[in-house]
Amino acid sequence: MAHPKYEINGVPLDQIRNRNELRVIKLMPKVLAEHSDYRPDYLDIQDIYALTLNNLPPRYVQQGSIVMREPVKDDEIIRELREAIRKVELCPTAREHG
């Protein structure tokens, strides 16, 4: 399957990213470690990631952007990760499709 082209009038848009993506990825292992009895599967990890990002305000930047301040604090990301883990653990995707 061909990847969609994220481009308008010759201007590439595929390098614009939500700054919270990497921040969630960096904090997720730490928060998952708090739940030693929970073993999320492939889809659970993706669901936790997506749900967390959906509940945070987006912070889009493009290459070369200067970030003057970070309004979303790590504590807020950790809180949303914990909530997403709780929701996914209670109702995992695999159970819905299995």
C-alpha atoms as a PDB file:
ATOM      1  CA  MET A   1       0.000   0.000   0.000  1.00  0.00           C
ATOM      2  CA  ALA A   2       1.375   3.408  -0.942  1.00  0.00           C
ATOM      3  CA  HIS A   3       1.804   5.954   1.810  1.00  0.00           C
ATOM      4  CA  PRO A   4      -0.357   9.061   1.454  1.00  0.00           C
ATOM      5  CA  LYS A   5       1.505  12.162   0.392  1.00  0.00           C
ATOM      6  CA  TYR A   6       1.261  14.873   3.022  1.00  0.00           C
ATOM      7  CA  GLU A   7       1.842  17.773   0.707  1.00  0.00           C
ATOM      8  CA  ILE A   8      -0.069  20.865  -0.392  1.00  0.00           C
ATOM      9  CA  ASN A   9       1.086  22.896  -3.407  1.00  0.00           C
ATOM     10  CA  GLY A  10       4.532  21.325  -3.165  1.00  0.00           C
ATOM     11  CA  VAL A  11       4.900  22.114   0.556  1.00  0.00           C
ATOM     12  CA  PRO A  12       5.623  18.959   2.589  1.00  0.00           C
ATOM     13  CA  LEU A  13       3.588  18.648   5.774  1.00  0.00           C
ATOM     14  CA  ASP A  14       4.797  15.264   6.995  1.00  0.00           C
ATOM     15  CA  GLN A  15       7.462  16.769   9.276  1.00  0.00           C
ATOM     16  CA  ILE A  16       4.958  18.646  11.433  1.00  0.00           C
ATOM     17  CA  ARG A  17       4.637  16.731  14.677  1.00  0.00           C
ATOM     18  CA  ASN A  18       2.765  16.909  17.947  1.00  0.00           C
ATOM     19  CA  ARG A  19       5.508  17.497  20.558  1.00  0.00           C
ATOM     20  CA  ASN A  20       3.549  15.415  23.040  1.00  0.00           C
ATOM     21  CA  GLU A  21       4.075  12.250  20.951  1.00  0.00           C
ATOM     22  CA  LEU A  22       7.682  11.757  22.047  1.00  0.00           C
ATOM     23  CA  ARG A  23       6.953  12.914  25.562  1.00  0.00           C
ATOM     24  CA  VAL A  24       4.220  10.269  25.943  1.00  0.00           C
ATOM     25  CA  ILE A  25       6.517   7.607  24.463  1.00  0.00           C
ATOM     26  CA  LYS A  26       9.294   8.524  26.919  1.00  0.00           C
ATOM     27  CA  LEU A  27       6.997   8.487  29.966  1.00  0.00           C
ATOM     28  CA  MET A  28       4.893   5.444  29.060  1.00  0.00           C
ATOM     29  CA  PRO A  29       7.380   2.731  30.215  1.00  0.00           C
ATOM     30  CA  LYS A  30       7.686   4.400  33.629  1.00  0.00           C
ATOM     31  CA  VAL A  31       3.919   4.552  34.096  1.00  0.00           C
ATOM     32  CA  LEU A  32       3.361   1.020  32.766  1.00  0.00           C
ATOM     33  CA  ALA A  33       5.932  -0.212  35.318  1.00  0.00           C
ATOM     34  CA  GLU A  34       3.564   0.994  38.058  1.00  0.00           C
ATOM     35  CA  HIS A  35       1.176  -1.741  36.868  1.00  0.00           C
ATOM     36  CA  SER A  36       3.411  -4.795  37.275  1.00  0.00           C
ATOM     37  CA  ASP A  37       0.423  -7.177  37.180  1.00  0.00           C
ATOM     38  CA  TYR A  38      -0.813  -5.808  33.813  1.00  0.00           C
ATOM     39  CA  ARG A  39       0.704  -7.112  30.584  1.00  0.00           C
ATOM     40  CA  PRO A  40      -0.708  -4.966  27.765  1.00  0.00           C
ATOM     41  CA  ASP A  41      -0.661  -6.519  24.313  1.00  0.00           C
ATOM     42  CA  TYR A  42       0.221  -4.841  21.020  1.00  0.00           C
ATOM     43  CA  LEU A  43      -3.171  -3.146  20.534  1.00  0.00           C
ATOM     44  CA  ASP A  44      -3.394  -2.164  24.208  1.00  0.00           C
ATOM     45  CA  ILE A  45      -0.110  -0.230  23.919  1.00  0.00           C
ATOM     46  CA  GLN A  46      -1.369   1.552  20.819  1.00  0.00           C
ATOM     47  CA  ASP A  47      -4.703   2.312  22.481  1.00  0.00           C
ATOM     48  CA  ILE A  48      -3.028   3.702  25.604  1.00  0.00           C
ATOM     49  CA  TYR A  49      -0.776   5.894  23.447  1.00  0.00           C
ATOM     50  CA  ALA A  50      -3.619   7.205  21.270  1.00  0.00           C
ATOM     51  CA  LEU A  51      -6.015   7.748  24.175  1.00  0.00           C
ATOM     52  CA  THR A  52      -3.379   9.663  26.108  1.00  0.00           C
ATOM     53  CA  LEU A  53      -2.611  11.916  23.130  1.00  0.00           C
ATOM     54  CA  ASN A  54      -6.318  12.493  22.499  1.00  0.00           C
ATOM     55  CA  ASN A  55      -6.730  13.738  26.065  1.00  0.00           C
ATOM     56  CA  LEU A  56      -3.817  16.194  25.924  1.00  0.00           C
ATOM     57  CA  PRO A  57      -3.855  19.536  24.145  1.00  0.00           C
ATOM     58  CA  PRO A  58      -1.859  19.191  20.915  1.00  0.00           C
ATOM     59  CA  ARG A  59       1.490  20.972  20.603  1.00  0.00           C
ATOM     60  CA  TYR A  60       2.371  20.961  16.912  1.00  0.00           C
ATOM     61  CA  VAL A  61       5.780  22.092  15.711  1.00  0.00           C
ATOM     62  CA  GLN A  62       7.674  21.912  12.449  1.00  0.00           C
ATOM     63  CA  GLN A  63      11.346  21.400  11.812  1.00  0.00           C
ATOM     64  CA  GLY A  64      13.303  24.395  13.035  1.00  0.00           C
ATOM     65  CA  SER A  65      10.620  25.525  15.513  1.00  0.00           C
ATOM     66  CA  ILE A  66      11.765  27.156  18.715  1.00  0.00           C
ATOM     67  CA  VAL A  67       9.813  26.021  21.767  1.00  0.00           C
ATOM     68  CA  MET A  68       9.634  28.921  24.188  1.00  0.00           C
ATOM     69  CA  ARG A  69       7.614  27.164  26.876  1.00  0.00           C
ATOM     70  CA  GLU A  70       5.927  23.831  27.426  1.00  0.00           C
ATOM     71  CA  PRO A  71       2.374  24.344  28.719  1.00  0.00           C
ATOM     72  CA  VAL A  72       1.758  20.606  29.091  1.00  0.00           C
ATOM     73  CA  LYS A  73       3.660  19.412  32.143  1.00  0.00           C
ATOM     74  CA  ASP A  74       4.995  15.878  32.632  1.00  0.00           C
ATOM     75  CA  ASP A  75       2.619  15.456  35.585  1.00  0.00           C
ATOM     76  CA  GLU A  76      -0.336  16.034  33.261  1.00  0.00           C
ATOM     77  CA  ILE A  77       0.990  13.479  30.767  1.00  0.00           C
ATOM     78  CA  ILE A  78       1.543  10.959  33.568  1.00  0.00           C
ATOM     79  CA  ARG A  79      -1.994  11.546  34.868  1.00  0.00           C
ATOM     80  CA  GLU A  80      -3.453  10.969  31.383  1.00  0.00           C
ATOM     81  CA  LEU A  81      -1.295   7.874  30.868  1.00  0.00           C
ATOM     82  CA  ARG A  82      -2.553   6.404  34.151  1.00  0.00           C
ATOM     83  CA  GLU A  83      -6.152   7.101  33.164  1.00  0.00           C
ATOM     84  CA  ALA A  84      -5.662   5.598  29.690  1.00  0.00           C
ATOM     85  CA  ILE A  85      -4.055   2.476  31.186  1.00  0.00           C
ATOM     86  CA  ARG A  86      -6.969   2.116  33.596  1.00  0.00           C
ATOM     87  CA  LYS A  87      -9.521   2.384  30.776  1.00  0.00           C
ATOM     88  CA  VAL A  88      -7.714   0.014  28.412  1.00  0.00           C
ATOM     89  CA  GLU A  89      -7.048  -2.507  31.167  1.00  0.00           C
ATOM     90  CA  LEU A  90     -10.770  -2.561  32.016  1.00  0.00           C
ATOM     91  CA  CYS A  91     -11.800  -2.927  28.374  1.00  0.00           C
ATOM     92  CA  PRO A  92      -8.945  -4.131  26.128  1.00  0.00           C
ATOM     93  CA  THR A  93      -9.410  -4.075  22.359  1.00  0.00           C
ATOM     94  CA  ALA A  94      -8.507  -7.773  22.000  1.00  0.00           C
ATOM     95  CA  ARG A  95     -11.433  -8.751  24.235  1.00  0.00           C
ATOM     96  CA  GLU A  96     -13.827  -6.706  22.076  1.00  0.00           C
ATOM     97  CA  HIS A  97     -12.626  -8.434  18.876  1.00  0.00           C
ATOM     98  CA  GLY A  98     -11.947 -11.885  20.365  1.00  0.00           C
END
